[in-house]
Amino acid sequence: KDIKNKVIRADNLVATIKKMCTESKLTENSRKVMLQDA
């Protein structure tokens, strides 16, 4: 399972990112904080 969830096709990339972000309990960062870390 831990491998299955990490391997996807490109056409499922965005849906996977959104799903993982939705399920995450972390607090959202502002765009300013995101830019600083980037």
PDB file of all heavy atoms in Angstrom:
ATOM      1  N   LYS A   1       0.810  -1.215   0.000  1.00  0.00           N
ATOM      2  CA  LYS A   1       0.000   0.000   0.000  1.00  0.00           C
ATOM      3  C   LYS A   1       0.843   1.265   0.000  1.00  0.00           C
ATOM      4  O   LYS A   1       0.530   2.243  -0.685  1.00  0.00           O
ATOM      5  CB  LYS A   1      -0.947   0.003   1.204  1.00  0.00           C
ATOM      6  CG  LYS A   1      -1.933   1.160   1.199  1.00  0.00           C
ATOM      7  CD  LYS A   1      -2.893   1.064   2.365  1.00  0.00           C
ATOM      8  CE  LYS A   1      -3.874   2.238   2.346  1.00  0.00           C
ATOM      9  NZ  LYS A   1      -4.821   2.171   3.500  1.00  0.00           N
ATOM     10  N   ASP A   2       1.929   1.266   0.786  1.00  0.00           N
ATOM     11  CA  ASP A   2       2.745   2.474   0.880  1.00  0.00           C
ATOM     12  C   ASP A   2       3.435   2.810  -0.431  1.00  0.00           C
ATOM     13  O   ASP A   2       3.788   3.961  -0.688  1.00  0.00           O
ATOM     14  CB  ASP A   2       3.778   2.347   2.006  1.00  0.00           C
ATOM     15  CG  ASP A   2       4.772   1.233   1.755  1.00  0.00           C
ATOM     16  OD1 ASP A   2       4.380   0.214   1.165  1.00  0.00           O
ATOM     17  OD2 ASP A   2       5.946   1.383   2.150  1.00  0.00           O
ATOM     18  N   ILE A   3       3.633   1.794  -1.287  1.00  0.00           N
ATOM     19  CA  ILE A   3       4.211   2.029  -2.612  1.00  0.00           C
ATOM     20  C   ILE A   3       3.125   2.402  -3.609  1.00  0.00           C
ATOM     21  O   ILE A   3       3.282   3.316  -4.427  1.00  0.00           O
ATOM     22  CB  ILE A   3       4.999   0.790  -3.091  1.00  0.00           C
ATOM     23  CG1 ILE A   3       6.271   0.630  -2.248  1.00  0.00           C
ATOM     24  CG2 ILE A   3       5.339   0.896  -4.579  1.00  0.00           C
ATOM     25  CD1 ILE A   3       7.129  -0.542  -2.645  1.00  0.00           C
ATOM     26  N   LYS A   4       2.011   1.694  -3.551  1.00  0.00           N
ATOM     27  CA  LYS A   4       0.909   1.925  -4.479  1.00  0.00           C
ATOM     28  C   LYS A   4       0.464   3.388  -4.474  1.00  0.00           C
ATOM     29  O   LYS A   4       0.165   3.964  -5.523  1.00  0.00           O
ATOM     30  CB  LYS A   4      -0.263   1.018  -4.107  1.00  0.00           C
ATOM     31  CG  LYS A   4      -1.449   1.101  -5.051  1.00  0.00           C
ATOM     32  CD  LYS A   4      -2.609   0.247  -4.563  1.00  0.00           C
ATOM     33  CE  LYS A   4      -2.255  -1.211  -4.490  1.00  0.00           C
ATOM     34  NZ  LYS A   4      -3.441  -2.052  -4.202  1.00  0.00           N
ATOM     35  N   ASN A   5       0.437   3.992  -3.308  1.00  0.00           N
ATOM     36  CA  ASN A   5      -0.038   5.375  -3.194  1.00  0.00           C
ATOM     37  C   ASN A   5       0.965   6.405  -3.697  1.00  0.00           C
ATOM     38  O   ASN A   5       0.635   7.587  -3.798  1.00  0.00           O
ATOM     39  CB  ASN A   5      -0.373   5.688  -1.731  1.00  0.00           C
ATOM     40  CG  ASN A   5      -1.539   4.869  -1.220  1.00  0.00           C
ATOM     41  OD1 ASN A   5      -2.372   4.406  -2.006  1.00  0.00           O
ATOM     42  ND2 ASN A   5      -1.610   4.679   0.087  1.00  0.00           N
ATOM     43  N   LYS A   6       2.185   5.954  -3.995  1.00  0.00           N
ATOM     44  CA  LYS A   6       3.227   6.895  -4.418  1.00  0.00           C
ATOM     45  C   LYS A   6       3.522   6.836  -5.912  1.00  0.00           C
ATOM     46  O   LYS A   6       4.357   7.593  -6.411  1.00  0.00           O
ATOM     47  CB  LYS A   6       4.523   6.615  -3.653  1.00  0.00           C
ATOM     48  CG  LYS A   6       4.415   6.829  -2.148  1.00  0.00           C
ATOM     49  CD  LYS A   6       5.692   6.411  -1.444  1.00  0.00           C
ATOM     50  CE  LYS A   6       5.577   6.562   0.066  1.00  0.00           C
ATOM     51  NZ  LYS A   6       6.788   6.049   0.755  1.00  0.00           N
ATOM     52  N   VAL A   7       2.858   5.927  -6.638  1.00  0.00           N
ATOM     53  CA  VAL A   7       3.117   5.772  -8.072  1.00  0.00           C
ATOM     54  C   VAL A   7       1.839   6.043  -8.854  1.00  0.00           C
ATOM     55  O   VAL A   7       0.833   5.348  -8.684  1.00  0.00           O
ATOM     56  CB  VAL A   7       3.625   4.351  -8.391  1.00  0.00           C
ATOM     57  CG1 VAL A   7       3.958   4.228  -9.879  1.00  0.00           C
ATOM     58  CG2 VAL A   7       4.847   4.012  -7.545  1.00  0.00           C
ATOM     59  N   ILE A   8       1.873   7.067  -9.700  1.00  0.00           N
ATOM     60  CA  ILE A   8       0.685   7.459 -10.455  1.00  0.00           C
ATOM     61  C   ILE A   8       1.067   7.821 -11.889  1.00  0.00           C
ATOM     62  O   ILE A   8       2.242   8.001 -12.195  1.00  0.00           O
ATOM     63  CB  ILE A   8      -0.014   8.674  -9.803  1.00  0.00           C
ATOM     64  CG1 ILE A   8       0.970   9.861  -9.713  1.00  0.00           C
ATOM     65  CG2 ILE A   8      -0.567   8.313  -8.441  1.00  0.00           C
ATOM     66  CD1 ILE A   8       0.342  11.134  -9.204  1.00  0.00           C
ATOM     67  N   ARG A   9       0.059   7.932 -12.729  1.00  0.00           N
ATOM     68  CA  ARG A   9       0.286   8.437 -14.083  1.00  0.00           C
ATOM     69  C   ARG A   9       0.136   9.954 -14.084  1.00  0.00           C
ATOM     70  O   ARG A   9      -0.508  10.527 -13.208  1.00  0.00           O
ATOM     71  CB  ARG A   9      -0.706   7.813 -15.060  1.00  0.00           C
ATOM     72  CG  ARG A   9      -0.435   6.380 -15.344  1.00  0.00           C
ATOM     73  CD  ARG A   9      -1.072   5.865 -16.607  1.00  0.00           C
ATOM     74  NE  ARG A   9      -2.228   6.607 -17.077  1.00  0.00           N
ATOM     75  CZ  ARG A   9      -2.883   6.285 -18.187  1.00  0.00           C
ATOM     76  NH1 ARG A   9      -2.490   5.250 -18.902  1.00  0.00           N
ATOM     77  NH2 ARG A   9      -3.933   6.969 -18.588  1.00  0.00           N
ATOM     78  N   ALA A  10       0.724  10.593 -15.082  1.00  0.00           N
ATOM     79  CA  ALA A  10       0.715  12.052 -15.146  1.00  0.00           C
ATOM     80  C   ALA A  10      -0.703  12.617 -15.186  1.00  0.00           C
ATOM     81  O   ALA A  10      -0.982  13.667 -14.604  1.00  0.00           O
ATOM     82  CB  ALA A  10       1.507  12.525 -16.360  1.00  0.00           C
ATOM     83  N   ASP A  11      -1.608  11.910 -15.854  1.00  0.00           N
ATOM     84  CA  ASP A  11      -2.969  12.427 -15.963  1.00  0.00           C
ATOM     85  C   ASP A  11      -3.750  12.339 -14.651  1.00  0.00           C
ATOM     86  O   ASP A  11      -4.869  12.839 -14.554  1.00  0.00           O
ATOM     87  CB  ASP A  11      -3.739  11.732 -17.089  1.00  0.00           C
ATOM     88  CG  ASP A  11      -3.687  10.212 -16.992  1.00  0.00           C
ATOM     89  OD1 ASP A  11      -3.158   9.705 -16.001  1.00  0.00           O
ATOM     90  OD2 ASP A  11      -4.176   9.546 -17.915  1.00  0.00           O
ATOM     91  N   ASN A  12      -3.155  11.719 -13.643  1.00  0.00           N
ATOM     92  CA  ASN A  12      -3.793  11.650 -12.330  1.00  0.00           C
ATOM     93  C   ASN A  12      -3.035  12.477 -11.286  1.00  0.00           C
ATOM     94  O   ASN A  12      -3.367  12.439 -10.101  1.00  0.00           O
ATOM     95  CB  ASN A  12      -3.870  10.183 -11.868  1.00  0.00           C
ATOM     96  CG  ASN A  12      -4.846   9.981 -10.733  1.00  0.00           C
ATOM     97  OD1 ASN A  12      -5.897  10.630 -10.681  1.00  0.00           O
ATOM     98  ND2 ASN A  12      -4.514   9.096  -9.813  1.00  0.00           N
ATOM     99  N   LEU A  13      -2.027  13.231 -11.738  1.00  0.00           N
ATOM    100  CA  LEU A  13      -1.164  13.967 -10.821  1.00  0.00           C
ATOM    101  C   LEU A  13      -1.924  15.039 -10.043  1.00  0.00           C
ATOM    102  O   LEU A  13      -1.842  15.112  -8.816  1.00  0.00           O
ATOM    103  CB  LEU A  13      -0.004  14.599 -11.594  1.00  0.00           C
ATOM    104  CG  LEU A  13       0.924  15.518 -10.791  1.00  0.00           C
ATOM    105  CD1 LEU A  13       1.550  14.769  -9.622  1.00  0.00           C
ATOM    106  CD2 LEU A  13       1.997  16.118 -11.694  1.00  0.00           C
ATOM    107  N   VAL A  14      -2.652  15.892 -10.740  1.00  0.00           N
ATOM    108  CA  VAL A  14      -3.341  17.000 -10.083  1.00  0.00           C
ATOM    109  C   VAL A  14      -4.380  16.482  -9.091  1.00  0.00           C
ATOM    110  O   VAL A  14      -4.481  16.978  -7.963  1.00  0.00           O
ATOM    111  CB  VAL A  14      -4.001  17.925 -11.132  1.00  0.00           C
ATOM    112  CG1 VAL A  14      -4.898  18.949 -10.444  1.00  0.00           C
ATOM    113  CG2 VAL A  14      -2.924  18.643 -11.947  1.00  0.00           C
ATOM    114  N   ALA A  15      -5.146  15.472  -9.501  1.00  0.00           N
ATOM    115  CA  ALA A  15      -6.159  14.905  -8.606  1.00  0.00           C
ATOM    116  C   ALA A  15      -5.516  14.327  -7.347  1.00  0.00           C
ATOM    117  O   ALA A  15      -6.050  14.466  -6.238  1.00  0.00           O
ATOM    118  CB  ALA A  15      -6.953  13.824  -9.341  1.00  0.00           C
ATOM    119  N   THR A  16      -4.346  13.695  -7.509  1.00  0.00           N
ATOM    120  CA  THR A  16      -3.636  13.115  -6.371  1.00  0.00           C
ATOM    121  C   THR A  16      -3.136  14.199  -5.418  1.00  0.00           C
ATOM    122  O   THR A  16      -3.279  14.089  -4.191  1.00  0.00           O
ATOM    123  CB  THR A  16      -2.448  12.269  -6.852  1.00  0.00           C
ATOM    124  OG1 THR A  16      -2.939  11.192  -7.667  1.00  0.00           O
ATOM    125  CG2 THR A  16      -1.670  11.689  -5.678  1.00  0.00           C
ATOM    126  N   ILE A  17      -2.563  15.259  -5.972  1.00  0.00           N
ATOM    127  CA  ILE A  17      -2.072  16.370  -5.141  1.00  0.00           C
ATOM    128  C   ILE A  17      -3.224  16.996  -4.359  1.00  0.00           C
ATOM    129  O   ILE A  17      -3.117  17.246  -3.149  1.00  0.00           O
ATOM    130  CB  ILE A  17      -1.371  17.422  -6.017  1.00  0.00           C
ATOM    131  CG1 ILE A  17      -0.013  16.889  -6.498  1.00  0.00           C
ATOM    132  CG2 ILE A  17      -1.167  18.732  -5.247  1.00  0.00           C
ATOM    133  CD1 ILE A  17       0.729  17.820  -7.431  1.00  0.00           C
ATOM    134  N   LYS A  18      -4.343  17.241  -5.027  1.00  0.00           N
ATOM    135  CA  LYS A  18      -5.486  17.865  -4.355  1.00  0.00           C
ATOM    136  C   LYS A  18      -6.042  16.951  -3.263  1.00  0.00           C
ATOM    137  O   LYS A  18      -6.405  17.418  -2.171  1.00  0.00           O
ATOM    138  CB  LYS A  18      -6.567  18.188  -5.382  1.00  0.00           C
ATOM    139  CG  LYS A  18      -6.213  19.361  -6.281  1.00  0.00           C
ATOM    140  CD  LYS A  18      -7.359  19.735  -7.200  1.00  0.00           C
ATOM    141  CE  LYS A  18      -7.031  20.989  -8.000  1.00  0.00           C
ATOM    142  NZ  LYS A  18      -8.135  21.390  -8.886  1.00  0.00           N
ATOM    143  N   LYS A  19      -6.102  15.667  -3.539  1.00  0.00           N
ATOM    144  CA  LYS A  19      -6.625  14.710  -2.558  1.00  0.00           C
ATOM    145  C   LYS A  19      -5.736  14.673  -1.314  1.00  0.00           C
ATOM    146  O   LYS A  19      -6.223  14.702  -0.170  1.00  0.00           O
ATOM    147  CB  LYS A  19      -6.711  13.324  -3.187  1.00  0.00           C
ATOM    148  CG  LYS A  19      -7.266  12.230  -2.266  1.00  0.00           C
ATOM    149  CD  LYS A  19      -7.423  10.925  -3.042  1.00  0.00           C
ATOM    150  CE  LYS A  19      -8.048   9.831  -2.166  1.00  0.00           C
ATOM    151  NZ  LYS A  19      -7.144   9.395  -1.088  1.00  0.00           N
ATOM    152  N   MET A  20      -4.414  14.612  -1.532  1.00  0.00           N
ATOM    153  CA  MET A  20      -3.483  14.561  -0.406  1.00  0.00           C
ATOM    154  C   MET A  20      -3.524  15.844   0.410  1.00  0.00           C
ATOM    155  O   MET A  20      -3.430  15.819   1.641  1.00  0.00           O
ATOM    156  CB  MET A  20      -2.071  14.274  -0.919  1.00  0.00           C
ATOM    157  CG  MET A  20      -1.912  12.883  -1.517  1.00  0.00           C
ATOM    158  SD  MET A  20      -0.267  12.572  -2.221  1.00  0.00           S
ATOM    159  CE  MET A  20       0.740  12.512  -0.730  1.00  0.00           C
ATOM    160  N   CYS A  21      -3.681  16.977  -0.257  1.00  0.00           N
ATOM    161  CA  CYS A  21      -3.761  18.253   0.455  1.00  0.00           C
ATOM    162  C   CYS A  21      -5.059  18.346   1.256  1.00  0.00           C
ATOM    163  O   CYS A  21      -5.075  18.852   2.389  1.00  0.00           O
ATOM    164  CB  CYS A  21      -3.657  19.415  -0.532  1.00  0.00           C
ATOM    165  SG  CYS A  21      -1.999  19.670  -1.208  1.00  0.00           S
ATOM    166  N   THR A  22      -6.142  17.865   0.676  1.00  0.00           N
ATOM    167  CA  THR A  22      -7.437  17.885   1.368  1.00  0.00           C
ATOM    168  C   THR A  22      -7.402  17.011   2.620  1.00  0.00           C
ATOM    169  O   THR A  22      -7.948  17.369   3.672  1.00  0.00           O
ATOM    170  CB  THR A  22      -8.552  17.404   0.428  1.00  0.00           C
ATOM    171  OG1 THR A  22      -8.639  18.277  -0.699  1.00  0.00           O
ATOM    172  CG2 THR A  22      -9.902  17.383   1.143  1.00  0.00           C
ATOM    173  N   GLU A  23      -6.741  15.859   2.510  1.00  0.00           N
ATOM    174  CA  GLU A  23      -6.677  14.919   3.634  1.00  0.00           C
ATOM    175  C   GLU A  23      -5.678  15.357   4.703  1.00  0.00           C
ATOM    176  O   GLU A  23      -5.754  14.892   5.852  1.00  0.00           O
ATOM    177  CB  GLU A  23      -6.313  13.525   3.114  1.00  0.00           C
ATOM    178  CG  GLU A  23      -7.399  12.897   2.244  1.00  0.00           C
ATOM    179  CD  GLU A  23      -6.963  11.574   1.647  1.00  0.00           C
ATOM    180  OE1 GLU A  23      -5.751  11.255   1.731  1.00  0.00           O
ATOM    181  OE2 GLU A  23      -7.821  10.862   1.082  1.00  0.00           O
ATOM    182  N   SER A  24      -4.749  16.233   4.350  1.00  0.00           N
ATOM    183  CA  SER A  24      -3.739  16.690   5.310  1.00  0.00           C
ATOM    184  C   SER A  24      -4.369  17.585   6.382  1.00  0.00           C
ATOM    185  O   SER A  24      -5.223  18.431   6.097  1.00  0.00           O
ATOM    186  CB  SER A  24      -2.632  17.467   4.592  1.00  0.00           C
ATOM    187  OG  SER A  24      -1.758  18.067   5.514  1.00  0.00           O
ATOM    188  N   LYS A  25      -3.942  17.407   7.622  1.00  0.00           N
ATOM    189  CA  LYS A  25      -4.443  18.204   8.736  1.00  0.00           C
ATOM    190  C   LYS A  25      -3.547  19.413   9.029  1.00  0.00           C
ATOM    191  O   LYS A  25      -3.771  20.141   9.998  1.00  0.00           O
ATOM    192  CB  LYS A  25      -4.566  17.326   9.979  1.00  0.00           C
ATOM    193  CG  LYS A  25      -5.589  16.208   9.824  1.00  0.00           C
ATOM    194  CD  LYS A  25      -5.682  15.371  11.091  1.00  0.00           C
ATOM    195  CE  LYS A  25      -6.697  14.246  10.924  1.00  0.00           C
ATOM    196  NZ  LYS A  25      -6.807  13.402  12.155  1.00  0.00           N
ATOM    197  N   LEU A  26      -2.533  19.601   8.198  1.00  0.00           N
ATOM    198  CA  LEU A  26      -1.641  20.740   8.387  1.00  0.00           C
ATOM    199  C   LEU A  26      -2.361  22.050   8.073  1.00  0.00           C
ATOM    200  O   LEU A  26      -3.296  22.093   7.270  1.00  0.00           O
ATOM    201  CB  LEU A  26      -0.414  20.608   7.480  1.00  0.00           C
ATOM    202  CG  LEU A  26       0.533  19.434   7.764  1.00  0.00           C
ATOM    203  CD1 LEU A  26       1.622  19.382   6.711  1.00  0.00           C
ATOM    204  CD2 LEU A  26       1.154  19.558   9.160  1.00  0.00           C
ATOM    205  N   THR A  27      -1.893  23.123   8.680  1.00  0.00           N
ATOM    206  CA  THR A  27      -2.450  24.445   8.424  1.00  0.00           C
ATOM    207  C   THR A  27      -1.934  24.973   7.089  1.00  0.00           C
ATOM    208  O   THR A  27      -0.762  24.795   6.752  1.00  0.00           O
ATOM    209  CB  THR A  27      -2.047  25.432   9.545  1.00  0.00           C
ATOM    210  OG1 THR A  27      -2.487  24.907  10.799  1.00  0.00           O
ATOM    211  CG2 THR A  27      -2.658  26.801   9.318  1.00  0.00           C
ATOM    212  N   GLU A  28      -2.816  25.632   6.351  1.00  0.00           N
ATOM    213  CA  GLU A  28      -2.407  26.185   5.059  1.00  0.00           C
ATOM    214  C   GLU A  28      -1.465  27.370   5.254  1.00  0.00           C
ATOM    215  O   GLU A  28      -1.672  28.210   6.128  1.00  0.00           O
ATOM    216  CB  GLU A  28      -3.628  26.645   4.257  1.00  0.00           C
ATOM    217  CG  GLU A  28      -4.429  25.519   3.638  1.00  0.00           C
ATOM    218  CD  GLU A  28      -5.391  26.041   2.589  1.00  0.00           C
ATOM    219  OE1 GLU A  28      -5.373  27.258   2.296  1.00  0.00           O
ATOM    220  OE2 GLU A  28      -6.165  25.227   2.058  1.00  0.00           O
ATOM    221  N   ASN A  29      -0.428  27.424   4.412  1.00  0.00           N
ATOM    222  CA  ASN A  29       0.478  28.567   4.410  1.00  0.00           C
ATOM    223  C   ASN A  29      -0.029  29.630   3.450  1.00  0.00           C
ATOM    224  O   ASN A  29      -0.689  29.328   2.449  1.00  0.00           O
ATOM    225  CB  ASN A  29       1.881  28.132   3.973  1.00  0.00           C
ATOM    226  CG  ASN A  29       2.586  27.315   5.034  1.00  0.00           C
ATOM    227  OD1 ASN A  29       2.515  27.636   6.219  1.00  0.00           O
ATOM    228  ND2 ASN A  29       3.266  26.256   4.614  1.00  0.00           N
ATOM    229  N   SER A  30       0.270  30.864   3.740  1.00  0.00           N
ATOM    230  CA  SER A  30      -0.059  31.948   2.812  1.00  0.00           C
ATOM    231  C   SER A  30       0.864  31.868   1.604  1.00  0.00           C
ATOM    232  O   SER A  30       1.918  31.220   1.645  1.00  0.00           O
ATOM    233  CB  SER A  30       0.112  33.301   3.502  1.00  0.00           C
ATOM    234  OG  SER A  30       1.486  33.538   3.783  1.00  0.00           O
ATOM    235  N   ARG A  31       0.480  32.551   0.557  1.00  0.00           N
ATOM    236  CA  ARG A  31       1.323  32.557  -0.649  1.00  0.00           C
ATOM    237  C   ARG A  31       2.682  33.191  -0.358  1.00  0.00           C
ATOM    238  O   ARG A  31       3.697  32.777  -0.907  1.00  0.00           O
ATOM    239  CB  ARG A  31       0.601  33.297  -1.770  1.00  0.00           C
ATOM    240  CG  ARG A  31       1.305  33.199  -3.103  1.00  0.00           C
ATOM    241  CD  ARG A  31       0.455  33.696  -4.246  1.00  0.00           C
ATOM    242  NE  ARG A  31       1.247  33.686  -5.459  1.00  0.00           N
ATOM    243  CZ  ARG A  31       1.437  32.632  -6.240  1.00  0.00           C
ATOM    244  NH1 ARG A  31       0.889  31.475  -5.917  1.00  0.00           N
ATOM    245  NH2 ARG A  31       2.183  32.698  -7.326  1.00  0.00           N
ATOM    246  N   LYS A  32       2.708  34.173   0.545  1.00  0.00           N
ATOM    247  CA  LYS A  32       3.963  34.822   0.921  1.00  0.00           C
ATOM    248  C   LYS A  32       4.909  33.835   1.594  1.00  0.00           C
ATOM    249  O   LYS A  32       6.105  33.779   1.275  1.00  0.00           O
ATOM    250  CB  LYS A  32       3.686  36.003   1.843  1.00  0.00           C
ATOM    251  CG  LYS A  32       4.931  36.752   2.281  1.00  0.00           C
ATOM    252  CD  LYS A  32       4.583  37.916   3.189  1.00  0.00           C
ATOM    253  CE  LYS A  32       5.843  38.654   3.636  1.00  0.00           C
ATOM    254  NZ  LYS A  32       5.512  39.802   4.537  1.00  0.00           N
ATOM    255  N   VAL A  33       4.377  33.039   2.516  1.00  0.00           N
ATOM    256  CA  VAL A  33       5.199  32.046   3.211  1.00  0.00           C
ATOM    257  C   VAL A  33       5.666  30.973   2.237  1.00  0.00           C
ATOM    258  O   VAL A  33       6.815  30.520   2.289  1.00  0.00           O
ATOM    259  CB  VAL A  33       4.406  31.411   4.378  1.00  0.00           C
ATOM    260  CG1 VAL A  33       5.168  30.227   4.963  1.00  0.00           C
ATOM    261  CG2 VAL A  33       4.125  32.446   5.455  1.00  0.00           C
ATOM    262  N   MET A  34       4.773  30.559   1.328  1.00  0.00           N
ATOM    263  CA  MET A  34       5.135  29.561   0.307  1.00  0.00           C
ATOM    264  C   MET A  34       6.307  30.058  -0.531  1.00  0.00           C
ATOM    265  O   MET A  34       7.253  29.319  -0.810  1.00  0.00           O
ATOM    266  CB  MET A  34       3.936  29.262  -0.594  1.00  0.00           C
ATOM    267  CG  MET A  34       2.810  28.489   0.065  1.00  0.00           C
ATOM    268  SD  MET A  34       1.325  28.479  -0.965  1.00  0.00           S
ATOM    269  CE  MET A  34       1.944  27.673  -2.466  1.00  0.00           C
ATOM    270  N   LEU A  35       6.235  31.325  -0.940  1.00  0.00           N
ATOM    271  CA  LEU A  35       7.292  31.895  -1.779  1.00  0.00           C
ATOM    272  C   LEU A  35       8.619  31.934  -1.028  1.00  0.00           C
ATOM    273  O   LEU A  35       9.672  31.614  -1.588  1.00  0.00           O
ATOM    274  CB  LEU A  35       6.906  33.308  -2.223  1.00  0.00           C
ATOM    275  CG  LEU A  35       7.972  34.088  -2.999  1.00  0.00           C
ATOM    276  CD1 LEU A  35       8.374  33.336  -4.269  1.00  0.00           C
ATOM    277  CD2 LEU A  35       7.476  35.488  -3.347  1.00  0.00           C
ATOM    278  N   GLN A  36       8.582  32.316   0.229  1.00  0.00           N
ATOM    279  CA  GLN A  36       9.808  32.368   1.028  1.00  0.00           C
ATOM    280  C   GLN A  36      10.467  30.993   1.117  1.00  0.00           C
ATOM    281  O   GLN A  36      11.691  30.863   0.970  1.00  0.00           O
ATOM    282  CB  GLN A  36       9.488  32.894   2.436  1.00  0.00           C
ATOM    283  CG  GLN A  36       9.136  34.366   2.475  1.00  0.00           C
ATOM    284  CD  GLN A  36       8.690  34.825   3.856  1.00  0.00           C
ATOM    285  OE1 GLN A  36       8.342  34.010   4.722  1.00  0.00           O
ATOM    286  NE2 GLN A  36       8.683  36.136   4.081  1.00  0.00           N
ATOM    287  N   ASP A  37       9.646  29.960   1.349  1.00  0.00           N
ATOM    288  CA  ASP A  37      10.206  28.620   1.459  1.00  0.00           C
ATOM    289  C   ASP A  37      10.687  28.121   0.097  1.00  0.00           C
ATOM    290  O   ASP A  37      11.720  27.448   0.003  1.00  0.00           O
ATOM    291  CB  ASP A  37       9.173  27.648   2.031  1.00  0.00           C
ATOM    292  CG  ASP A  37       9.818  26.345   2.479  1.00  0.00           C
ATOM    293  OD1 ASP A  37      10.840  26.397   3.188  1.00  0.00           O
ATOM    294  OD2 ASP A  37       9.309  25.269   2.105  1.00  0.00           O
ATOM    295  N   ALA A  38       9.951  28.459  -0.957  1.00  0.00           N
ATOM    296  CA  ALA A  38      10.347  28.041  -2.306  1.00  0.00           C
ATOM    297  C   ALA A  38      11.699  28.652  -2.677  1.00  0.00           C
ATOM    298  O   ALA A  38      12.570  27.979  -3.242  1.00  0.00           O
ATOM    299  CB  ALA A  38       9.281  28.453  -3.320  1.00  0.00           C
TER     300      ALA A  38
END
